[in-house]
Amino acid sequence: MAEVEKQQAISGANVQYEQAKNQMEIQRMQTAWQIKQQELEVKHQYDMQLKQLEIEAMKEKEGLIEDRKDSRSKQEATQQSRMITQRQNELPPENFKEEVPQSGRPVFQEEQPLPNPGMPGMPM
């Protein structure tokens, strides 16, 4: 009878050991799942921030492109207006020169009219 009790005690201990082992494995899996969920959430937040930054950069780029187009159109309209005034008032031709400042964006400035070779010191 003692041998049977000993075997039952060993079997009971083995069962408890396996249950504890299984419980620890379940806890490990739950912890791993929670960590994975947190990682995915953080990754999603980073991805959203990155996408937002990309959208802002694209909007800024488009804005700069439009601003440059507006600037060129305005400059062209100004030059056309000056040329019309020149023709209507029979004024001498004007030279427009493109300069690139430190900002890297072209700025159009009017040059002084060329001197009239027939009349020294007088603009055309």
PDB file of N, CA and C in Angstrom:
ATOM      1  N   MET A   1       0.818  -1.173   0.000  1.00  0.00           N
ATOM      2  CA  MET A   1       0.000   0.000   0.000  1.00  0.00           C
ATOM      3  C   MET A   1       0.875   1.255   0.000  1.00  0.00           C
ATOM      4  N   ALA A   2       1.951   1.196   0.666  1.00  0.00           N
ATOM      5  CA  ALA A   2       2.863   2.332   0.719  1.00  0.00           C
ATOM      6  C   ALA A   2       3.409   2.638  -0.670  1.00  0.00           C
ATOM      7  N   GLU A   3       3.641   1.605  -1.431  1.00  0.00           N
ATOM      8  CA  GLU A   3       4.168   1.802  -2.791  1.00  0.00           C
ATOM      9  C   GLU A   3       3.126   2.502  -3.654  1.00  0.00           C
ATOM     10  N   VAL A   4       1.866   2.171  -3.519  1.00  0.00           N
ATOM     11  CA  VAL A   4       0.786   2.776  -4.287  1.00  0.00           C
ATOM     12  C   VAL A   4       0.641   4.246  -3.893  1.00  0.00           C
ATOM     13  N   GLU A   5       0.700   4.534  -2.634  1.00  0.00           N
ATOM     14  CA  GLU A   5       0.607   5.918  -2.160  1.00  0.00           C
ATOM     15  C   GLU A   5       1.789   6.740  -2.672  1.00  0.00           C
ATOM     16  N   LYS A   6       2.951   6.096  -2.678  1.00  0.00           N
ATOM     17  CA  LYS A   6       4.141   6.778  -3.172  1.00  0.00           C
ATOM     18  C   LYS A   6       3.975   7.108  -4.660  1.00  0.00           C
ATOM     19  N   GLN A   7       3.466   6.160  -5.445  1.00  0.00           N
ATOM     20  CA  GLN A   7       3.232   6.366  -6.877  1.00  0.00           C
ATOM     21  C   GLN A   7       2.173   7.444  -7.104  1.00  0.00           C
ATOM     22  N   GLN A   8       1.124   7.446  -6.285  1.00  0.00           N
ATOM     23  CA  GLN A   8       0.078   8.468  -6.401  1.00  0.00           C
ATOM     24  C   GLN A   8       0.648   9.854  -6.069  1.00  0.00           C
ATOM     25  N   ALA A   9       1.508   9.923  -5.069  1.00  0.00           N
ATOM     26  CA  ALA A   9       2.119  11.200  -4.682  1.00  0.00           C
ATOM     27  C   ALA A   9       3.020  11.705  -5.810  1.00  0.00           C
ATOM     28  N   ILE A  10       3.779  10.768  -6.391  1.00  0.00           N
ATOM     29  CA  ILE A  10       4.654  11.151  -7.510  1.00  0.00           C
ATOM     30  C   ILE A  10       3.805  11.590  -8.694  1.00  0.00           C
ATOM     31  N   SER A  11       2.750  10.858  -8.993  1.00  0.00           N
ATOM     32  CA  SER A  11       1.858  11.216 -10.105  1.00  0.00           C
ATOM     33  C   SER A  11       1.204  12.566  -9.843  1.00  0.00           C
ATOM     34  N   GLY A  12       0.756  12.784  -8.622  1.00  0.00           N
ATOM     35  CA  GLY A  12       0.137  14.069  -8.255  1.00  0.00           C
ATOM     36  C   GLY A  12       1.140  15.216  -8.408  1.00  0.00           C
ATOM     37  N   ALA A  13       2.372  14.969  -7.991  1.00  0.00           N
ATOM     38  CA  ALA A  13       3.414  15.993  -8.112  1.00  0.00           C
ATOM     39  C   ALA A  13       3.710  16.271  -9.583  1.00  0.00           C
ATOM     40  N   ASN A  14       3.748  15.198 -10.385  1.00  0.00           N
ATOM     41  CA  ASN A  14       3.975  15.377 -11.827  1.00  0.00           C
ATOM     42  C   ASN A  14       2.840  16.171 -12.467  1.00  0.00           C
ATOM     43  N   VAL A  15       1.610  15.909 -12.079  1.00  0.00           N
ATOM     44  CA  VAL A  15       0.453  16.616 -12.618  1.00  0.00           C
ATOM     45  C   VAL A  15       0.544  18.102 -12.235  1.00  0.00           C
ATOM     46  N   GLN A  16       0.861  18.349 -10.972  1.00  0.00           N
ATOM     47  CA  GLN A  16       0.979  19.730 -10.514  1.00  0.00           C
ATOM     48  C   GLN A  16       2.114  20.451 -11.270  1.00  0.00           C
ATOM     49  N   TYR A  17       3.202  19.733 -11.473  1.00  0.00           N
ATOM     50  CA  TYR A  17       4.340  20.303 -12.205  1.00  0.00           C
ATOM     51  C   TYR A  17       3.918  20.660 -13.634  1.00  0.00           C
ATOM     52  N   GLU A  18       3.227  19.752 -14.310  1.00  0.00           N
ATOM     53  CA  GLU A  18       2.777  19.989 -15.685  1.00  0.00           C
ATOM     54  C   GLU A  18       1.766  21.129 -15.741  1.00  0.00           C
ATOM     55  N   GLN A  19       0.871  21.191 -14.758  1.00  0.00           N
ATOM     56  CA  GLN A  19      -0.111  22.276 -14.710  1.00  0.00           C
ATOM     57  C   GLN A  19       0.604  23.624 -14.520  1.00  0.00           C
ATOM     58  N   ALA A  20       1.559  23.636 -13.603  1.00  0.00           N
ATOM     59  CA  ALA A  20       2.310  24.867 -13.360  1.00  0.00           C
ATOM     60  C   ALA A  20       3.092  25.253 -14.620  1.00  0.00           C
ATOM     61  N   LYS A  21       3.684  24.250 -15.264  1.00  0.00           N
ATOM     62  CA  LYS A  21       4.439  24.487 -16.485  1.00  0.00           C
ATOM     63  C   LYS A  21       3.520  25.046 -17.585  1.00  0.00           C
ATOM     64  N   ASN A  22       2.330  24.462 -17.726  1.00  0.00           N
ATOM     65  CA  ASN A  22       1.366  24.932 -18.719  1.00  0.00           C
ATOM     66  C   ASN A  22       0.877  26.343 -18.390  1.00  0.00           C
ATOM     67  N   GLN A  23       0.657  26.593 -17.118  1.00  0.00           N
ATOM     68  CA  GLN A  23       0.209  27.921 -16.696  1.00  0.00           C
ATOM     69  C   GLN A  23       1.283  28.976 -17.012  1.00  0.00           C
ATOM     70  N   MET A  24       2.534  28.643 -16.760  1.00  0.00           N
ATOM     71  CA  MET A  24       3.628  29.563 -17.064  1.00  0.00           C
ATOM     72  C   MET A  24       3.728  29.797 -18.571  1.00  0.00           C
ATOM     73  N   GLU A  25       3.527  28.764 -19.349  1.00  0.00           N
ATOM     74  CA  GLU A  25       3.559  28.898 -20.803  1.00  0.00           C
ATOM     75  C   GLU A  25       2.421  29.810 -21.282  1.00  0.00           C
ATOM     76  N   ILE A  26       1.244  29.657 -20.690  1.00  0.00           N
ATOM     77  CA  ILE A  26       0.110  30.522 -21.034  1.00  0.00           C
ATOM     78  C   ILE A  26       0.431  31.973 -20.684  1.00  0.00           C
ATOM     79  N   GLN A  27       0.983  32.193 -19.512  1.00  0.00           N
ATOM     80  CA  GLN A  27       1.353  33.547 -19.097  1.00  0.00           C
ATOM     81  C   GLN A  27       2.427  34.127 -20.024  1.00  0.00           C
ATOM     82  N   ARG A  28       3.391  33.294 -20.413  1.00  0.00           N
ATOM     83  CA  ARG A  28       4.435  33.741 -21.317  1.00  0.00           C
ATOM     84  C   ARG A  28       3.833  34.153 -22.654  1.00  0.00           C
ATOM     85  N   MET A  29       2.895  33.347 -23.152  1.00  0.00           N
ATOM     86  CA  MET A  29       2.261  33.652 -24.436  1.00  0.00           C
ATOM     87  C   MET A  29       1.421  34.935 -24.335  1.00  0.00           C
ATOM     88  N   GLN A  30       0.710  35.108 -23.208  1.00  0.00           N
ATOM     89  CA  GLN A  30      -0.089  36.320 -23.026  1.00  0.00           C
ATOM     90  C   GLN A  30       0.811  37.560 -22.955  1.00  0.00           C
ATOM     91  N   THR A  31       1.916  37.420 -22.247  1.00  0.00           N
ATOM     92  CA  THR A  31       2.855  38.537 -22.135  1.00  0.00           C
ATOM     93  C   THR A  31       3.451  38.858 -23.505  1.00  0.00           C
ATOM     94  N   ALA A  32       3.816  37.837 -24.241  1.00  0.00           N
ATOM     95  CA  ALA A  32       4.377  38.043 -25.580  1.00  0.00           C
ATOM     96  C   ALA A  32       3.341  38.713 -26.486  1.00  0.00           C
ATOM     97  N   TRP A  33       2.087  38.291 -26.373  1.00  0.00           N
ATOM     98  CA  TRP A  33       1.014  38.874 -27.174  1.00  0.00           C
ATOM     99  C   TRP A  33       0.821  40.350 -26.813  1.00  0.00           C
ATOM    100  N   GLN A  34       0.845  40.670 -25.515  1.00  0.00           N
ATOM    101  CA  GLN A  34       0.691  42.062 -25.077  1.00  0.00           C
ATOM    102  C   GLN A  34       1.849  42.925 -25.592  1.00  0.00           C
ATOM    103  N   ILE A  35       3.043  42.386 -25.498  1.00  0.00           N
ATOM    104  CA  ILE A  35       4.209  43.121 -25.998  1.00  0.00           C
ATOM    105  C   ILE A  35       4.082  43.345 -27.498  1.00  0.00           C
ATOM    106  N   LYS A  36       3.663  42.323 -28.226  1.00  0.00           N
ATOM    107  CA  LYS A  36       3.486  42.439 -29.669  1.00  0.00           C
ATOM    108  C   LYS A  36       2.418  43.483 -29.998  1.00  0.00           C
ATOM    109  N   GLN A  37       1.335  43.508 -29.242  1.00  0.00           N
ATOM    110  CA  GLN A  37       0.279  44.499 -29.449  1.00  0.00           C
ATOM    111  C   GLN A  37       0.816  45.912 -29.219  1.00  0.00           C
ATOM    112  N   GLN A  38       1.606  46.080 -28.174  1.00  0.00           N
ATOM    113  CA  GLN A  38       2.196  47.388 -27.890  1.00  0.00           C
ATOM    114  C   GLN A  38       3.148  47.801 -29.013  1.00  0.00           C
ATOM    115  N   GLU A  39       3.943  46.856 -29.487  1.00  0.00           N
ATOM    116  CA  GLU A  39       4.862  47.147 -30.584  1.00  0.00           C
ATOM    117  C   GLU A  39       4.098  47.573 -31.838  1.00  0.00           C
ATOM    118  N   LEU A  40       3.015  46.847 -32.132  1.00  0.00           N
ATOM    119  CA  LEU A  40       2.218  47.186 -33.308  1.00  0.00           C
ATOM    120  C   LEU A  40       1.567  48.558 -33.154  1.00  0.00           C
ATOM    121  N   GLU A  41       1.111  48.873 -31.965  1.00  0.00           N
ATOM    122  CA  GLU A  41       0.501  50.172 -31.718  1.00  0.00           C
ATOM    123  C   GLU A  41       1.518  51.297 -31.893  1.00  0.00           C
ATOM    124  N   VAL A  42       2.709  51.113 -31.340  1.00  0.00           N
ATOM    125  CA  VAL A  42       3.759  52.122 -31.480  1.00  0.00           C
ATOM    126  C   VAL A  42       4.159  52.249 -32.946  1.00  0.00           C
ATOM    127  N   LYS A  43       4.291  51.125 -33.644  1.00  0.00           N
ATOM    128  CA  LYS A  43       4.646  51.163 -35.063  1.00  0.00           C
ATOM    129  C   LYS A  43       3.569  51.904 -35.854  1.00  0.00           C
ATOM    130  N   HIS A  44       2.323  51.634 -35.532  1.00  0.00           N
ATOM    131  CA  HIS A  44       1.221  52.311 -36.219  1.00  0.00           C
ATOM    132  C   HIS A  44       1.292  53.824 -35.969  1.00  0.00           C
ATOM    133  N   GLN A  45       1.564  54.215 -34.738  1.00  0.00           N
ATOM    134  CA  GLN A  45       1.684  55.643 -34.419  1.00  0.00           C
ATOM    135  C   GLN A  45       2.831  56.277 -35.201  1.00  0.00           C
ATOM    136  N   TYR A  46       3.964  55.596 -35.253  1.00  0.00           N
ATOM    137  CA  TYR A  46       5.106  56.109 -36.018  1.00  0.00           C
ATOM    138  C   TYR A  46       4.771  56.205 -37.506  1.00  0.00           C
ATOM    139  N   ASP A  47       4.106  55.179 -38.013  1.00  0.00           N
ATOM    140  CA  ASP A  47       3.723  55.197 -39.425  1.00  0.00           C
ATOM    141  C   ASP A  47       2.777  56.360 -39.722  1.00  0.00           C
ATOM    142  N   MET A  48       1.844  56.605 -38.811  1.00  0.00           N
ATOM    143  CA  MET A  48       0.902  57.710 -38.993  1.00  0.00           C
ATOM    144  C   MET A  48       1.642  59.053 -38.958  1.00  0.00           C
ATOM    145  N   GLN A  49       2.579  59.201 -38.027  1.00  0.00           N
ATOM    146  CA  GLN A  49       3.351  60.441 -37.945  1.00  0.00           C
ATOM    147  C   GLN A  49       4.190  60.622 -39.204  1.00  0.00           C
ATOM    148  N   LEU A  50       4.797  59.553 -39.665  1.00  0.00           N
ATOM    149  CA  LEU A  50       5.614  59.623 -40.875  1.00  0.00           C
ATOM    150  C   LEU A  50       4.741  60.013 -42.074  1.00  0.00           C
ATOM    151  N   LYS A  51       3.594  59.409 -42.190  1.00  0.00           N
ATOM    152  CA  LYS A  51       2.691  59.719 -43.304  1.00  0.00           C
ATOM    153  C   LYS A  51       2.254  61.175 -43.226  1.00  0.00           C
ATOM    154  N   GLN A  52       1.969  61.652 -42.002  1.00  0.00           N
ATOM    155  CA  GLN A  52       1.570  63.045 -41.831  1.00  0.00           C
ATOM    156  C   GLN A  52       2.696  63.981 -42.264  1.00  0.00           C
ATOM    157  N   LEU A  53       3.927  63.644 -41.892  1.00  0.00           N
ATOM    158  CA  LEU A  53       5.072  64.452 -42.301  1.00  0.00           C
ATOM    159  C   LEU A  53       5.239  64.436 -43.813  1.00  0.00           C
ATOM    160  N   GLU A  54       5.038  63.277 -44.430  1.00  0.00           N
ATOM    161  CA  GLU A  54       5.140  63.175 -45.882  1.00  0.00           C
ATOM    162  C   GLU A  54       4.076  64.041 -46.554  1.00  0.00           C
ATOM    163  N   ILE A  55       2.860  64.018 -46.015  1.00  0.00           N
ATOM    164  CA  ILE A  55       1.769  64.815 -46.578  1.00  0.00           C
ATOM    165  C   ILE A  55       2.082  66.300 -46.441  1.00  0.00           C
ATOM    166  N   GLU A  56       2.571  66.703 -45.260  1.00  0.00           N
ATOM    167  CA  GLU A  56       2.929  68.104 -45.046  1.00  0.00           C
ATOM    168  C   GLU A  56       4.043  68.533 -45.996  1.00  0.00           C
ATOM    169  N   ALA A  57       5.037  67.670 -46.179  1.00  0.00           N
ATOM    170  CA  ALA A  57       6.145  67.996 -47.087  1.00  0.00           C
ATOM    171  C   ALA A  57       5.629  68.125 -48.520  1.00  0.00           C
ATOM    172  N   MET A  58       4.725  67.235 -48.912  1.00  0.00           N
ATOM    173  CA  MET A  58       4.175  67.288 -50.262  1.00  0.00           C
ATOM    174  C   MET A  58       3.350  68.566 -50.452  1.00  0.00           C
ATOM    175  N   LYS A  59       2.556  68.935 -49.429  1.00  0.00           N
ATOM    176  CA  LYS A  59       1.771  70.165 -49.514  1.00  0.00           C
ATOM    177  C   LYS A  59       2.690  71.378 -49.609  1.00  0.00           C
ATOM    178  N   GLU A  60       3.754  71.379 -48.811  1.00  0.00           N
ATOM    179  CA  GLU A  60       4.704  72.488 -48.842  1.00  0.00           C
ATOM    180  C   GLU A  60       5.375  72.579 -50.210  1.00  0.00           C
ATOM    181  N   LYS A  61       5.757  71.418 -50.751  1.00  0.00           N
ATOM    182  CA  LYS A  61       6.386  71.396 -52.071  1.00  0.00           C
ATOM    183  C   LYS A  61       5.425  71.934 -53.127  1.00  0.00           C
ATOM    184  N   GLU A  62       4.178  71.478 -53.081  1.00  0.00           N
ATOM    185  CA  GLU A  62       3.180  71.953 -54.043  1.00  0.00           C
ATOM    186  C   GLU A  62       2.959  73.448 -53.880  1.00  0.00           C
ATOM    187  N   GLY A  63       2.946  73.920 -52.628  1.00  0.00           N
ATOM    188  CA  GLY A  63       2.787  75.347 -52.373  1.00  0.00           C
ATOM    189  C   GLY A  63       3.935  76.149 -52.956  1.00  0.00           C
ATOM    190  N   LEU A  64       5.156  75.642 -52.774  1.00  0.00           N
ATOM    191  CA  LEU A  64       6.319  76.330 -53.335  1.00  0.00           C
ATOM    192  C   LEU A  64       6.264  76.356 -54.857  1.00  0.00           C
ATOM    193  N   ILE A  65       5.847  75.244 -55.443  1.00  0.00           N
ATOM    194  CA  ILE A  65       5.722  75.193 -56.912  1.00  0.00           C
ATOM    195  C   ILE A  65       4.711  76.228 -57.383  1.00  0.00           C
ATOM    196  N   GLU A  66       3.565  76.284 -56.703  1.00  0.00           N
ATOM    197  CA  GLU A  66       2.535  77.252 -57.082  1.00  0.00           C
ATOM    198  C   GLU A  66       3.021  78.682 -56.865  1.00  0.00           C
ATOM    199  N   ASP A  67       3.733  78.911 -55.764  1.00  0.00           N
ATOM    200  CA  ASP A  67       4.272  80.252 -55.503  1.00  0.00           C
ATOM    201  C   ASP A  67       5.240  80.667 -56.604  1.00  0.00           C
ATOM    202  N   ARG A  68       6.080  79.735 -57.039  1.00  0.00           N
ATOM    203  CA  ARG A  68       7.027  80.052 -58.118  1.00  0.00           C
ATOM    204  C   ARG A  68       6.282  80.348 -59.415  1.00  0.00           C
ATOM    205  N   LYS A  69       5.236  79.554 -59.677  1.00  0.00           N
ATOM    206  CA  LYS A  69       4.440  79.806 -60.889  1.00  0.00           C
ATOM    207  C   LYS A  69       3.799  81.194 -60.804  1.00  0.00           C
ATOM    208  N   ASP A  70       3.228  81.512 -59.637  1.00  0.00           N
ATOM    209  CA  ASP A  70       2.606  82.822 -59.447  1.00  0.00           C
ATOM    210  C   ASP A  70       3.620  83.937 -59.633  1.00  0.00           C
ATOM    211  N   SER A  71       4.810  83.730 -59.078  1.00  0.00           N
ATOM    212  CA  SER A  71       5.863  84.739 -59.190  1.00  0.00           C
ATOM    213  C   SER A  71       6.261  84.943 -60.648  1.00  0.00           C
ATOM    214  N   ARG A  72       6.410  83.853 -61.385  1.00  0.00           N
ATOM    215  CA  ARG A  72       6.778  83.968 -62.797  1.00  0.00           C
ATOM    216  C   ARG A  72       5.662  84.651 -63.592  1.00  0.00           C
ATOM    217  N   SER A  73       4.426  84.288 -63.296  1.00  0.00           N
ATOM    218  CA  SER A  73       3.297  84.906 -64.002  1.00  0.00           C
ATOM    219  C   SER A  73       3.230  86.394 -63.698  1.00  0.00           C
ATOM    220  N   LYS A  74       3.433  86.745 -62.444  1.00  0.00           N
ATOM    221  CA  LYS A  74       3.407  88.152 -62.053  1.00  0.00           C
ATOM    222  C   LYS A  74       4.533  88.915 -62.750  1.00  0.00           C
ATOM    223  N   GLN A  75       5.718  88.311 -62.769  1.00  0.00           N
ATOM    224  CA  GLN A  75       6.862  88.955 -63.416  1.00  0.00           C
ATOM    225  C   GLN A  75       6.601  89.126 -64.906  1.00  0.00           C
ATOM    226  N   GLU A  76       6.042  88.102 -65.525  1.00  0.00           N
ATOM    227  CA  GLU A  76       5.750  88.174 -66.953  1.00  0.00           C
ATOM    228  C   GLU A  76       4.719  89.262 -67.233  1.00  0.00           C
ATOM    229  N   ALA A  77       3.687  89.334 -66.388  1.00  0.00           N
ATOM    230  CA  ALA A  77       2.659  90.358 -66.572  1.00  0.00           C
ATOM    231  C   ALA A  77       3.250  91.754 -66.392  1.00  0.00           C
ATOM    232  N   THR A  78       4.125  91.916 -65.405  1.00  0.00           N
ATOM    233  CA  THR A  78       4.772  93.204 -65.178  1.00  0.00           C
ATOM    234  C   THR A  78       5.626  93.599 -66.375  1.00  0.00           C
ATOM    235  N   GLN A  79       6.380  92.656 -66.878  1.00  0.00           N
ATOM    236  CA  GLN A  79       7.229  92.952 -68.035  1.00  0.00           C
ATOM    237  C   GLN A  79       6.376  93.276 -69.263  1.00  0.00           C
ATOM    238  N   GLN A  80       5.299  92.527 -69.461  1.00  0.00           N
ATOM    239  CA  GLN A  80       4.408  92.807 -70.600  1.00  0.00           C
ATOM    240  C   GLN A  80       3.822  94.208 -70.481  1.00  0.00           C
ATOM    241  N   SER A  81       3.420  94.558 -69.265  1.00  0.00           N
ATOM    242  CA  SER A  81       2.857  95.876 -69.042  1.00  0.00           C
ATOM    243  C   SER A  81       3.876  96.964 -69.339  1.00  0.00           C
ATOM    244  N   ARG A  82       5.104  96.762 -68.908  1.00  0.00           N
ATOM    245  CA  ARG A  82       6.157  97.743 -69.175  1.00  0.00           C
ATOM    246  C   ARG A  82       6.447  97.848 -70.670  1.00  0.00           C
ATOM    247  N   MET A  83       6.410  96.709 -71.370  1.00  0.00           N
ATOM    248  CA  MET A  83       6.668  96.739 -72.809  1.00  0.00           C
ATOM    249  C   MET A  83       5.528  97.452 -73.543  1.00  0.00           C
ATOM    250  N   ILE A  84       4.284  97.255 -73.079  1.00  0.00           N
ATOM    251  CA  ILE A  84       3.151  97.950 -73.696  1.00  0.00           C
ATOM    252  C   ILE A  84       3.284  99.450 -73.482  1.00  0.00           C
ATOM    253  N   THR A  85       3.616  99.832 -72.242  1.00  0.00           N
ATOM    254  CA  THR A  85       3.820 101.250 -71.932  1.00  0.00           C
ATOM    255  C   THR A  85       4.952 101.811 -72.783  1.00  0.00           C
ATOM    256  N   GLN A  86       6.012 101.020 -72.918  1.00  0.00           N
ATOM    257  CA  GLN A  86       7.164 101.452 -73.733  1.00  0.00           C
ATOM    258  C   GLN A  86       6.724 101.717 -75.166  1.00  0.00           C
ATOM    259  N   ARG A  87       5.948 100.790 -75.747  1.00  0.00           N
ATOM    260  CA  ARG A  87       5.499 100.954 -77.136  1.00  0.00           C
ATOM    261  C   ARG A  87       4.562 102.143 -77.276  1.00  0.00           C
ATOM    262  N   GLN A  88       3.622 102.258 -76.308  1.00  0.00           N
ATOM    263  CA  GLN A  88       2.644 103.343 -76.399  1.00  0.00           C
ATOM    264  C   GLN A  88       3.302 104.713 -76.259  1.00  0.00           C
ATOM    265  N   ASN A  89       4.323 104.801 -75.415  1.00  0.00           N
ATOM    266  CA  ASN A  89       4.986 106.088 -75.171  1.00  0.00           C
ATOM    267  C   ASN A  89       6.265 106.256 -75.991  1.00  0.00           C
ATOM    268  N   GLU A  90       6.499 105.300 -76.886  1.00  0.00           N
ATOM    269  CA  GLU A  90       7.683 105.308 -77.734  1.00  0.00           C
ATOM    270  C   GLU A  90       8.960 105.493 -76.915  1.00  0.00           C
ATOM    271  N   LEU A  91       9.076 104.721 -75.857  1.00  0.00           N
ATOM    272  CA  LEU A  91      10.248 104.766 -74.989  1.00  0.00           C
ATOM    273  C   LEU A  91      11.300 103.795 -75.499  1.00  0.00           C
ATOM    274  N   PRO A  92      12.555 103.959 -75.065  1.00  0.00           N
ATOM    275  CA  PRO A  92      13.608 103.031 -75.493  1.00  0.00           C
ATOM    276  C   PRO A  92      13.397 101.645 -74.870  1.00  0.00           C
ATOM    277  N   PRO A  93      13.975 100.609 -75.462  1.00  0.00           N
ATOM    278  CA  PRO A  93      13.790  99.249 -74.939  1.00  0.00           C
ATOM    279  C   PRO A  93      14.395  99.094 -73.546  1.00  0.00           C
ATOM    280  N   GLU A  94      13.806  98.149 -72.791  1.00  0.00           N
ATOM    281  CA  GLU A  94      14.312  97.840 -71.451  1.00  0.00           C
ATOM    282  C   GLU A  94      14.899  96.439 -71.473  1.00  0.00           C
ATOM    283  N   ASN A  95      15.928  96.219 -70.685  1.00  0.00           N
ATOM    284  CA  ASN A  95      16.512  94.886 -70.535  1.00  0.00           C
ATOM    285  C   ASN A  95      16.097  94.323 -69.175  1.00  0.00           C
ATOM    286  N   PHE A  96      15.684  93.086 -69.176  1.00  0.00           N
ATOM    287  CA  PHE A  96      15.345  92.403 -67.933  1.00  0.00           C
ATOM    288  C   PHE A  96      16.377  91.313 -67.732  1.00  0.00           C
ATOM    289  N   LYS A  97      16.903  91.252 -66.551  1.00  0.00           N
ATOM    290  CA  LYS A  97      17.969  90.295 -66.276  1.00  0.00           C
ATOM    291  C   LYS A  97      17.525  89.366 -65.144  1.00  0.00           C
ATOM    292  N   GLU A  98      17.869  88.087 -65.259  1.00  0.00           N
ATOM    293  CA  GLU A  98      17.571  87.100 -64.215  1.00  0.00           C
ATOM    294  C   GLU A  98      18.787  86.986 -63.307  1.00  0.00           C
ATOM    295  N   GLU A  99      18.563  87.182 -62.030  1.00  0.00           N
ATOM    296  CA  GLU A  99      19.633  87.007 -61.050  1.00  0.00           C
ATOM    297  C   GLU A  99      19.210  85.932 -60.079  1.00  0.00           C
ATOM    298  N   VAL A 100      20.178  85.164 -59.591  1.00  0.00           N
ATOM    299  CA  VAL A 100      19.892  84.109 -58.622  1.00  0.00           C
ATOM    300  C   VAL A 100      20.524  84.507 -57.292  1.00  0.00           C
ATOM    301  N   PRO A 101      19.712  84.887 -56.295  1.00  0.00           N
ATOM    302  CA  PRO A 101      20.260  85.259 -54.992  1.00  0.00           C
ATOM    303  C   PRO A 101      20.643  84.026 -54.187  1.00  0.00           C
ATOM    304  N   GLN A 102      21.056  84.248 -52.949  1.00  0.00           N
ATOM    305  CA  GLN A 102      21.494  83.149 -52.089  1.00  0.00           C
ATOM    306  C   GLN A 102      20.376  82.145 -51.833  1.00  0.00           C
ATOM    307  N   SER A 103      19.133  82.585 -51.890  1.00  0.00           N
ATOM    308  CA  SER A 103      18.024  81.669 -51.637  1.00  0.00           C
ATOM    309  C   SER A 103      17.905  80.607 -52.715  1.00  0.00           C
ATOM    310  N   GLY A 104      18.550  80.828 -53.878  1.00  0.00           N
ATOM    311  CA  GLY A 104      18.506  79.842 -54.948  1.00  0.00           C
ATOM    312  C   GLY A 104      17.327  80.024 -55.873  1.00  0.00           C
ATOM    313  N   ARG A 105      16.386  80.928 -55.517  1.00  0.00           N
ATOM    314  CA  ARG A 105      15.227  81.177 -56.364  1.00  0.00           C
ATOM    315  C   ARG A 105      15.503  82.365 -57.262  1.00  0.00           C
ATOM    316  N   PRO A 106      15.218  82.259 -58.540  1.00  0.00           N
ATOM    317  CA  PRO A 106      15.486  83.378 -59.442  1.00  0.00           C
ATOM    318  C   PRO A 106      14.606  84.578 -59.100  1.00  0.00           C
ATOM    319  N   VAL A 107      15.192  85.745 -59.148  1.00  0.00           N
ATOM    320  CA  VAL A 107      14.464  86.996 -58.956  1.00  0.00           C
ATOM    321  C   VAL A 107      14.758  87.849 -60.167  1.00  0.00           C
ATOM    322  N   PHE A 108      13.722  88.341 -60.779  1.00  0.00           N
ATOM    323  CA  PHE A 108      13.901  89.147 -61.976  1.00  0.00           C
ATOM    324  C   PHE A 108      13.970  90.600 -61.564  1.00  0.00           C
ATOM    325  N   GLN A 109      14.978  91.277 -62.036  1.00  0.00           N
ATOM    326  CA  GLN A 109      15.134  92.696 -61.754  1.00  0.00           C
ATOM    327  C   GLN A 109      15.358  93.428 -63.073  1.00  0.00           C
ATOM    328  N   GLU A 110      14.901  94.662 -63.085  1.00  0.00           N
ATOM    329  CA  GLU A 110      15.051  95.472 -64.287  1.00  0.00           C
ATOM    330  C   GLU A 110      16.441  96.081 -64.289  1.00  0.00           C
ATOM    331  N   GLU A 111      17.096  95.993 -65.422  1.00  0.00           N
ATOM    332  CA  GLU A 111      18.394  96.656 -65.577  1.00  0.00           C
ATOM    333  C   GLU A 111      18.141  98.076 -66.042  1.00  0.00           C
ATOM    334  N   GLN A 112      19.112  98.920 -65.851  1.00  0.00           N
ATOM    335  CA  GLN A 112      19.034 100.274 -66.372  1.00  0.00           C
ATOM    336  C   GLN A 112      19.045 100.196 -67.897  1.00  0.00           C
ATOM    337  N   PRO A 113      18.296 101.085 -68.559  1.00  0.00           N
ATOM    338  CA  PRO A 113      18.314 101.067 -70.026  1.00  0.00           C
ATOM    339  C   PRO A 113      19.714 101.340 -70.546  1.00  0.00           C
ATOM    340  N   LEU A 114      19.991 100.770 -71.694  1.00  0.00           N
ATOM    341  CA  LEU A 114      21.293 100.970 -72.314  1.00  0.00           C
ATOM    342  C   LEU A 114      21.424 102.427 -72.765  1.00  0.00           C
ATOM    343  N   PRO A 115      22.611 103.003 -72.633  1.00  0.00           N
ATOM    344  CA  PRO A 115      22.771 104.394 -73.079  1.00  0.00           C
ATOM    345  C   PRO A 115      22.597 104.499 -74.585  1.00  0.00           C
ATOM    346  N   ASN A 116      22.063 105.618 -75.005  1.00  0.00           N
ATOM    347  CA  ASN A 116      21.845 105.869 -76.418  1.00  0.00           C
ATOM    348  C   ASN A 116      23.181 106.295 -77.033  1.00  0.00           C
ATOM    349  N   PRO A 117      23.675 105.533 -78.012  1.00  0.00           N
ATOM    350  CA  PRO A 117      24.973 105.877 -78.584  1.00  0.00           C
ATOM    351  C   PRO A 117      24.947 107.223 -79.311  1.00  0.00           C
ATOM    352  N   GLY A 118      23.765 107.669 -79.724  1.00  0.00           N
ATOM    353  CA  GLY A 118      23.679 108.942 -80.424  1.00  0.00           C
ATOM    354  C   GLY A 118      23.740 110.122 -79.469  1.00  0.00           C
ATOM    355  N   MET A 119      23.329 109.900 -78.228  1.00  0.00           N
ATOM    356  CA  MET A 119      23.295 110.989 -77.260  1.00  0.00           C
ATOM    357  C   MET A 119      24.026 110.520 -76.019  1.00  0.00           C
ATOM    358  N   PRO A 120      25.272 110.881 -75.821  1.00  0.00           N
ATOM    359  CA  PRO A 120      26.058 110.393 -74.677  1.00  0.00           C
ATOM    360  C   PRO A 120      25.375 110.737 -73.350  1.00  0.00           C
ATOM    361  N   GLY A 121      25.391 109.727 -72.469  1.00  0.00           N
ATOM    362  CA  GLY A 121      24.866 109.909 -71.118  1.00  0.00           C
ATOM    363  C   GLY A 121      23.356 109.847 -71.032  1.00  0.00           C
ATOM    364  N   MET A 122      22.662 109.706 -72.138  1.00  0.00           N
ATOM    365  CA  MET A 122      21.186 109.666 -72.128  1.00  0.00           C
ATOM    366  C   MET A 122      20.721 108.225 -72.311  1.00  0.00           C
ATOM    367  N   PRO A 123      19.748 107.804 -71.515  1.00  0.00           N
ATOM    368  CA  PRO A 123      19.210 106.457 -71.714  1.00  0.00           C
ATOM    369  C   PRO A 123      18.389 106.387 -72.978  1.00  0.00           C
ATOM    370  N   MET A 124      18.284 105.182 -73.524  1.00  0.00           N
ATOM    371  CA  MET A 124      17.518 104.986 -74.756  1.00  0.00           C
ATOM    372  C   MET A 124      16.051 105.092 -74.488  1.00  0.00           C
TER     373      MET A 124
END
